[in-house]
PDB file of N, CA and C in Angstrom:
ATOM      1  N   MET A   1      23.412 -20.850 -18.583  1.00  0.00           N
ATOM      2  CA  MET A   1      22.448 -20.353 -18.269  1.00  0.00           C
ATOM      3  C   MET A   1      22.884 -20.473 -16.574  1.00  0.00           C
ATOM      4  N   ALA A   2      23.404 -19.053 -16.166  1.00  0.00           N
ATOM      5  CA  ALA A   2      23.306 -18.843 -14.447  1.00  0.00           C
ATOM      6  C   ALA A   2      22.224 -19.239 -13.751  1.00  0.00           C
ATOM      7  N   ASP A   3      22.467 -19.426 -12.916  1.00  0.00           N
ATOM      8  CA  ASP A   3      21.159 -19.629 -11.763  1.00  0.00           C
ATOM      9  C   ASP A   3      20.587 -18.339 -11.499  1.00  0.00           C
ATOM     10  N   PRO A   4      19.711 -17.842 -11.625  1.00  0.00           N
ATOM     11  CA  PRO A   4      19.311 -16.423 -10.866  1.00  0.00           C
ATOM     12  C   PRO A   4      19.784 -16.279  -9.637  1.00  0.00           C
ATOM     13  N   ILE A   5      19.415 -17.424  -8.845  1.00  0.00           N
ATOM     14  CA  ILE A   5      19.587 -17.512  -7.417  1.00  0.00           C
ATOM     15  C   ILE A   5      20.723 -17.063  -6.886  1.00  0.00           C
ATOM     16  N   GLU A   6      21.688 -17.799  -7.800  1.00  0.00           N
ATOM     17  CA  GLU A   6      23.314 -17.427  -7.236  1.00  0.00           C
ATOM     18  C   GLU A   6      23.941 -16.298  -8.094  1.00  0.00           C
ATOM     19  N   THR A   7      23.027 -15.719  -8.845  1.00  0.00           N
ATOM     20  CA  THR A   7      23.482 -14.323  -9.241  1.00  0.00           C
ATOM     21  C   THR A   7      23.444 -13.019  -8.818  1.00  0.00           C
ATOM     22  N   VAL A   8      24.361 -12.341  -8.555  1.00  0.00           N
ATOM     23  CA  VAL A   8      24.353 -10.721  -7.696  1.00  0.00           C
ATOM     24  C   VAL A   8      23.793 -10.001  -8.531  1.00  0.00           C
ATOM     25  N   ALA A   9      22.910  -9.463  -7.827  1.00  0.00           N
ATOM     26  CA  ALA A   9      22.003  -8.177  -8.774  1.00  0.00           C
ATOM     27  C   ALA A   9      23.102  -7.402  -8.782  1.00  0.00           C
ATOM     28  N   PRO A  10      22.817  -6.115  -9.716  1.00  0.00           N
ATOM     29  CA  PRO A  10      23.816  -5.007  -9.952  1.00  0.00           C
ATOM     30  C   PRO A  10      23.569  -3.936  -9.087  1.00  0.00           C
ATOM     31  N   ASP A  11      22.412  -3.585  -8.222  1.00  0.00           N
ATOM     32  CA  ASP A  11      22.053  -2.963  -7.653  1.00  0.00           C
ATOM     33  C   ASP A  11      20.902  -3.593  -6.580  1.00  0.00           C
ATOM     34  N   ASP A  12      20.626  -2.566  -6.015  1.00  0.00           N
ATOM     35  CA  ASP A  12      19.534  -3.146  -4.567  1.00  0.00           C
ATOM     36  C   ASP A  12      18.346  -1.911  -4.903  1.00  0.00           C
ATOM     37  N   SER A  13      18.320  -1.326  -5.963  1.00  0.00           N
ATOM     38  CA  SER A  13      17.499  -0.344  -5.639  1.00  0.00           C
ATOM     39  C   SER A  13      15.540  -0.710  -5.379  1.00  0.00           C
ATOM     40  N   GLY A  14      15.444  -1.543  -5.904  1.00  0.00           N
ATOM     41  CA  GLY A  14      13.979  -2.240  -5.770  1.00  0.00           C
ATOM     42  C   GLY A  14      13.507  -2.547  -4.127  1.00  0.00           C
ATOM     43  N   SER A  15      14.894  -3.157  -3.425  1.00  0.00           N
ATOM     44  CA  SER A  15      14.563  -3.265  -1.708  1.00  0.00           C
ATOM     45  C   SER A  15      14.199  -1.648  -1.320  1.00  0.00           C
ATOM     46  N   VAL A  16      15.240  -0.737  -1.840  1.00  0.00           N
ATOM     47  CA  VAL A  16      15.137   0.537  -1.192  1.00  0.00           C
ATOM     48  C   VAL A  16      13.909   0.793  -1.698  1.00  0.00           C
ATOM     49  N   THR A  17      13.147   0.687  -2.819  1.00  0.00           N
ATOM     50  CA  THR A  17      11.581   1.562  -3.222  1.00  0.00           C
ATOM     51  C   THR A  17      10.798   0.839  -2.660  1.00  0.00           C
ATOM     52  N   LEU A  18      10.665  -0.738  -2.414  1.00  0.00           N
ATOM     53  CA  LEU A  18       9.996  -1.176  -1.578  1.00  0.00           C
ATOM     54  C   LEU A  18       9.477  -0.675  -0.091  1.00  0.00           C
ATOM     55  N   ARG A  19      11.044  -0.475   0.577  1.00  0.00           N
ATOM     56  CA  ARG A  19      10.727   0.135   1.949  1.00  0.00           C
ATOM     57  C   ARG A  19      10.000   1.259   1.889  1.00  0.00           C
ATOM     58  N   ARG A  20       9.989   2.228   0.965  1.00  0.00           N
ATOM     59  CA  ARG A  20       9.536   3.338   0.811  1.00  0.00           C
ATOM     60  C   ARG A  20       7.862   3.184   0.765  1.00  0.00           C
ATOM     61  N   TYR A  21       7.627   2.066   0.450  1.00  0.00           N
ATOM     62  CA  TYR A  21       6.099   1.776   0.229  1.00  0.00           C
ATOM     63  C   TYR A  21       5.206   0.973   1.352  1.00  0.00           C
ATOM     64  N   GLU A  22       6.378   0.516   2.122  1.00  0.00           N
ATOM     65  CA  GLU A  22       5.829  -0.448   3.218  1.00  0.00           C
ATOM     66  C   GLU A  22       4.556  -0.041   4.174  1.00  0.00           C
ATOM     67  N   TYR A  23       4.852   1.310   4.766  1.00  0.00           N
ATOM     68  CA  TYR A  23       3.990   1.814   5.457  1.00  0.00           C
ATOM     69  C   TYR A  23       2.467   1.811   4.589  1.00  0.00           C
ATOM     70  N   GLN A  24       2.515   2.717   3.253  1.00  0.00           N
ATOM     71  CA  GLN A  24       1.610   2.307   2.601  1.00  0.00           C
ATOM     72  C   GLN A  24       0.835   1.212   2.531  1.00  0.00           C
ATOM     73  N   VAL A  25       1.470   0.295   2.351  1.00  0.00           N
ATOM     74  CA  VAL A  25       0.763  -1.503   2.363  1.00  0.00           C
ATOM     75  C   VAL A  25       0.283  -1.757   3.395  1.00  0.00           C
ATOM     76  N   HIS A  26       0.737  -1.344   4.811  1.00  0.00           N
ATOM     77  CA  HIS A  26       0.679  -1.415   6.067  1.00  0.00           C
ATOM     78  C   HIS A  26      -1.192  -1.177   6.137  1.00  0.00           C
ATOM     79  N   VAL A  27      -1.234   0.594   5.566  1.00  0.00           N
ATOM     80  CA  VAL A  27      -2.647   1.262   5.964  1.00  0.00           C
ATOM     81  C   VAL A  27      -3.783   0.953   5.133  1.00  0.00           C
ATOM     82  N   ALA A  28      -3.175   0.281   3.618  1.00  0.00           N
ATOM     83  CA  ALA A  28      -4.617  -0.350   2.812  1.00  0.00           C
ATOM     84  C   ALA A  28      -4.885  -2.079   3.420  1.00  0.00           C
ATOM     85  N   ALA A  29      -4.024  -2.254   3.730  1.00  0.00           N
ATOM     86  CA  ALA A  29      -3.620  -3.688   4.792  1.00  0.00           C
ATOM     87  C   ALA A  29      -4.911  -3.625   5.838  1.00  0.00           C
ATOM     88  N   GLN A  30      -4.747  -2.681   6.538  1.00  0.00           N
ATOM     89  CA  GLN A  30      -5.106  -2.300   8.047  1.00  0.00           C
ATOM     90  C   GLN A  30      -7.075  -2.149   7.495  1.00  0.00           C
ATOM     91  N   ALA A  31      -7.090  -1.765   6.235  1.00  0.00           N
ATOM     92  CA  ALA A  31      -8.565  -1.109   5.461  1.00  0.00           C
ATOM     93  C   ALA A  31      -9.212  -2.404   4.800  1.00  0.00           C
ATOM     94  N   ILE A  32      -8.130  -3.145   4.445  1.00  0.00           N
ATOM     95  CA  ILE A  32      -8.845  -4.391   3.939  1.00  0.00           C
ATOM     96  C   ILE A  32      -9.128  -5.421   5.454  1.00  0.00           C
ATOM     97  N   LEU A  33      -8.611  -5.369   6.134  1.00  0.00           N
ATOM     98  CA  LEU A  33      -8.706  -6.413   7.375  1.00  0.00           C
ATOM     99  C   LEU A  33     -10.151  -5.582   8.104  1.00  0.00           C
ATOM    100  N   GLU A  34     -10.343  -4.346   8.038  1.00  0.00           N
ATOM    101  CA  GLU A  34     -11.959  -4.167   8.314  1.00  0.00           C
ATOM    102  C   GLU A  34     -12.690  -4.312   7.683  1.00  0.00           C
ATOM    103  N   ILE A  35     -12.593  -4.561   6.495  1.00  0.00           N
ATOM    104  CA  ILE A  35     -13.552  -5.238   5.359  1.00  0.00           C
ATOM    105  C   ILE A  35     -14.426  -6.418   5.585  1.00  0.00           C
ATOM    106  N   LEU A  36     -12.704  -7.420   6.116  1.00  0.00           N
ATOM    107  CA  LEU A  36     -13.213  -8.924   6.532  1.00  0.00           C
ATOM    108  C   LEU A  36     -13.583  -8.971   8.237  1.00  0.00           C
ATOM    109  N   ALA A  37     -13.578  -8.224   8.839  1.00  0.00           N
ATOM    110  CA  ALA A  37     -14.257  -7.751  10.207  1.00  0.00           C
ATOM    111  C   ALA A  37     -15.442  -7.342  10.056  1.00  0.00           C
ATOM    112  N   ASP A  38     -16.035  -7.566   8.754  1.00  0.00           N
ATOM    113  CA  ASP A  38     -17.637  -6.660   8.892  1.00  0.00           C
ATOM    114  C   ASP A  38     -17.641  -4.975   9.152  1.00  0.00           C
ATOM    115  N   GLU A  39     -16.572  -4.353   9.109  1.00  0.00           N
ATOM    116  CA  GLU A  39     -16.683  -3.150   9.534  1.00  0.00           C
ATOM    117  C   GLU A  39     -17.293  -2.352   8.248  1.00  0.00           C
ATOM    118  N   PRO A  40     -17.521  -0.815   8.109  1.00  0.00           N
ATOM    119  CA  PRO A  40     -18.232  -0.322   7.160  1.00  0.00           C
ATOM    120  C   PRO A  40     -17.246  -0.066   5.992  1.00  0.00           C
ATOM    121  N   VAL A  41     -16.308  -1.114   5.505  1.00  0.00           N
ATOM    122  CA  VAL A  41     -15.663  -0.843   4.689  1.00  0.00           C
ATOM    123  C   VAL A  41     -15.980  -0.841   3.110  1.00  0.00           C
ATOM    124  N   ARG A  42     -16.016  -0.162   2.329  1.00  0.00           N
ATOM    125  CA  ARG A  42     -17.005  -1.236   1.170  1.00  0.00           C
ATOM    126  C   ARG A  42     -15.762  -1.585  -0.058  1.00  0.00           C
ATOM    127  N   HIS A  43     -14.757  -0.654  -0.099  1.00  0.00           N
ATOM    128  CA  HIS A  43     -13.483  -1.082  -0.848  1.00  0.00           C
ATOM    129  C   HIS A  43     -12.284  -0.276  -0.465  1.00  0.00           C
ATOM    130  N   VAL A  44     -11.185  -0.819  -1.011  1.00  0.00           N
ATOM    131  CA  VAL A  44      -9.703  -0.134  -0.643  1.00  0.00           C
ATOM    132  C   VAL A  44      -9.224   0.142  -2.330  1.00  0.00           C
ATOM    133  N   THR A  45      -9.135   1.150  -2.644  1.00  0.00           N
ATOM    134  CA  THR A  45      -8.360   1.306  -4.232  1.00  0.00           C
ATOM    135  C   THR A  45      -6.917   1.893  -3.177  1.00  0.00           C
ATOM    136  N   CYS A  46      -5.707   1.140  -4.417  1.00  0.00           N
ATOM    137  CA  CYS A  46      -4.469   1.751  -4.529  1.00  0.00           C
ATOM    138  C   CYS A  46      -4.444   2.273  -5.274  1.00  0.00           C
ATOM    139  N   GLU A  47      -3.161   3.420  -5.447  1.00  0.00           N
ATOM    140  CA  GLU A  47      -2.690   4.289  -6.198  1.00  0.00           C
ATOM    141  C   GLU A  47      -3.260   4.391  -7.389  1.00  0.00           C
ATOM    142  N   HIS A  48      -4.684   4.974  -7.091  1.00  0.00           N
ATOM    143  CA  HIS A  48      -5.495   5.694  -8.100  1.00  0.00           C
ATOM    144  C   HIS A  48      -5.651   7.050  -7.497  1.00  0.00           C
ATOM    145  N   ILE A  49      -5.534   8.595  -8.104  1.00  0.00           N
ATOM    146  CA  ILE A  49      -5.943   9.600  -7.648  1.00  0.00           C
ATOM    147  C   ILE A  49      -4.813   9.633  -6.689  1.00  0.00           C
ATOM    148  N   GLU A  50      -4.858   8.929  -5.212  1.00  0.00           N
ATOM    149  CA  GLU A  50      -4.190   9.301  -4.522  1.00  0.00           C
ATOM    150  C   GLU A  50      -3.368   7.867  -3.688  1.00  0.00           C
ATOM    151  N   ASP A  51      -2.393   7.680  -2.968  1.00  0.00           N
ATOM    152  CA  ASP A  51      -1.635   6.254  -2.881  1.00  0.00           C
ATOM    153  C   ASP A  51      -3.196   5.495  -2.196  1.00  0.00           C
ATOM    154  N   ILE A  52      -3.871   5.454  -1.260  1.00  0.00           N
ATOM    155  CA  ILE A  52      -4.873   4.916  -1.070  1.00  0.00           C
ATOM    156  C   ILE A  52      -5.856   5.658  -0.626  1.00  0.00           C
ATOM    157  N   ILE A  53      -7.199   4.913  -0.915  1.00  0.00           N
ATOM    158  CA  ILE A  53      -8.632   5.678  -0.931  1.00  0.00           C
ATOM    159  C   ILE A  53      -9.168   4.327  -0.264  1.00  0.00           C
ATOM    160  N   VAL A  54     -10.128   4.711   0.697  1.00  0.00           N
ATOM    161  CA  VAL A  54     -11.346   3.995   1.608  1.00  0.00           C
ATOM    162  C   VAL A  54     -12.089   4.583   1.506  1.00  0.00           C
ATOM    163  N   ALA A  55     -13.337   3.422   1.156  1.00  0.00           N
ATOM    164  CA  ALA A  55     -14.465   4.094   0.714  1.00  0.00           C
ATOM    165  C   ALA A  55     -15.325   3.328   1.762  1.00  0.00           C
ATOM    166  N   ARG A  56     -15.799   4.056   2.377  1.00  0.00           N
ATOM    167  CA  ARG A  56     -16.695   3.709   3.732  1.00  0.00           C
ATOM    168  C   ARG A  56     -18.312   3.723   3.113  1.00  0.00           C
ATOM    169  N   SER A  57     -18.897   2.319   3.537  1.00  0.00           N
ATOM    170  CA  SER A  57     -20.521   2.971   3.306  1.00  0.00           C
ATOM    171  C   SER A  57     -21.103   2.968   4.464  1.00  0.00           C
ATOM    172  N   SER A  58     -21.064   3.645   5.795  1.00  0.00           N
ATOM    173  CA  SER A  58     -21.621   4.230   6.221  1.00  0.00           C
ATOM    174  C   SER A  58     -22.364   5.530   6.208  1.00  0.00           C
ATOM    175  N   GLU A  59     -23.470   5.747   6.351  1.00  0.00           N
ATOM    176  CA  GLU A  59     -24.339   7.148   5.899  1.00  0.00           C
ATOM    177  C   GLU A  59     -23.468   8.336   6.302  1.00  0.00           C
ATOM    178  N   GLY A  60     -23.494   9.078   5.181  1.00  0.00           N
ATOM    179  CA  GLY A  60     -22.723  10.539   5.457  1.00  0.00           C
ATOM    180  C   GLY A  60     -21.328  10.464   6.072  1.00  0.00           C
ATOM    181  N   GLN A  61     -20.711   9.274   5.756  1.00  0.00           N
ATOM    182  CA  GLN A  61     -18.816   9.464   5.774  1.00  0.00           C
ATOM    183  C   GLN A  61     -18.497   9.232   4.223  1.00  0.00           C
ATOM    184  N   ALA A  62     -17.363  10.233   3.961  1.00  0.00           N
ATOM    185  CA  ALA A  62     -16.877  10.778   2.848  1.00  0.00           C
ATOM    186  C   ALA A  62     -15.925   9.338   2.741  1.00  0.00           C
ATOM    187  N   ASN A  63     -15.122   9.553   1.376  1.00  0.00           N
ATOM    188  CA  ASN A  63     -14.374   8.418   1.056  1.00  0.00           C
ATOM    189  C   ASN A  63     -13.013   9.335   1.863  1.00  0.00           C
ATOM    190  N   GLU A  64     -12.097   8.174   2.375  1.00  0.00           N
ATOM    191  CA  GLU A  64     -11.117   8.975   3.009  1.00  0.00           C
ATOM    192  C   GLU A  64      -9.721   8.609   2.090  1.00  0.00           C
ATOM    193  N   LEU A  65      -9.029   9.617   1.786  1.00  0.00           N
ATOM    194  CA  LEU A  65      -7.918   9.446   0.660  1.00  0.00           C
ATOM    195  C   LEU A  65      -6.573  10.063   1.725  1.00  0.00           C
ATOM    196  N   PHE A  66      -5.711   9.124   1.216  1.00  0.00           N
ATOM    197  CA  PHE A  66      -4.488   8.856   1.925  1.00  0.00           C
ATOM    198  C   PHE A  66      -3.280   9.074   1.077  1.00  0.00           C
ATOM    199  N   SER A  67      -2.371   9.793   1.398  1.00  0.00           N
ATOM    200  CA  SER A  67      -1.046  10.757   0.390  1.00  0.00           C
ATOM    201  C   SER A  67       0.079   9.703   1.588  1.00  0.00           C
ATOM    202  N   VAL A  68       0.434   8.577   1.179  1.00  0.00           N
ATOM    203  CA  VAL A  68       1.583   8.008   2.502  1.00  0.00           C
ATOM    204  C   VAL A  68       2.817   7.734   2.231  1.00  0.00           C
ATOM    205  N   THR A  69       3.430   7.878   0.714  1.00  0.00           N
ATOM    206  CA  THR A  69       4.334   7.480   0.236  1.00  0.00           C
ATOM    207  C   THR A  69       5.517   8.146   0.859  1.00  0.00           C
ATOM    208  N   SER A  70       6.622   7.755   1.380  1.00  0.00           N
ATOM    209  CA  SER A  70       7.567   8.896   1.800  1.00  0.00           C
ATOM    210  C   SER A  70       8.476   8.705   0.449  1.00  0.00           C
ATOM    211  N   ARG A  71       9.278   9.792   0.552  1.00  0.00           N
ATOM    212  CA  ARG A  71      10.660  10.062  -0.174  1.00  0.00           C
ATOM    213  C   ARG A  71      11.740  10.297   0.544  1.00  0.00           C
ATOM    214  N   ASP A  72      11.817   9.747   1.860  1.00  0.00           N
ATOM    215  CA  ASP A  72      13.080  10.243   2.455  1.00  0.00           C
ATOM    216  C   ASP A  72      13.905   8.940   2.311  1.00  0.00           C
ATOM    217  N   VAL A  73      15.362   9.275   2.123  1.00  0.00           N
ATOM    218  CA  VAL A  73      16.236   8.022   2.228  1.00  0.00           C
ATOM    219  C   VAL A  73      16.198   7.597   3.632  1.00  0.00           C
ATOM    220  N   LEU A  74      16.263   6.334   3.102  1.00  0.00           N
ATOM    221  CA  LEU A  74      16.315   5.059   4.003  1.00  0.00           C
ATOM    222  C   LEU A  74      17.629   4.149   4.009  1.00  0.00           C
TER     223      LEU A  74
END
């Protein structure tokens, strides 16, 4: 069996797809860092209803829904 590291992939579509989600990952990571810094974020949910949902625990604050996935050609 050939070594997978030495095998050339038939296409690089996975890298293109990942670049489209890179900003989404940054937005989610920022909210997660807020949790670690004791900010009023209860939880972060990805890819459910919207791309990202940030639930805040402060009185009177609604959940934030983010749609950040790009479909632009990279």
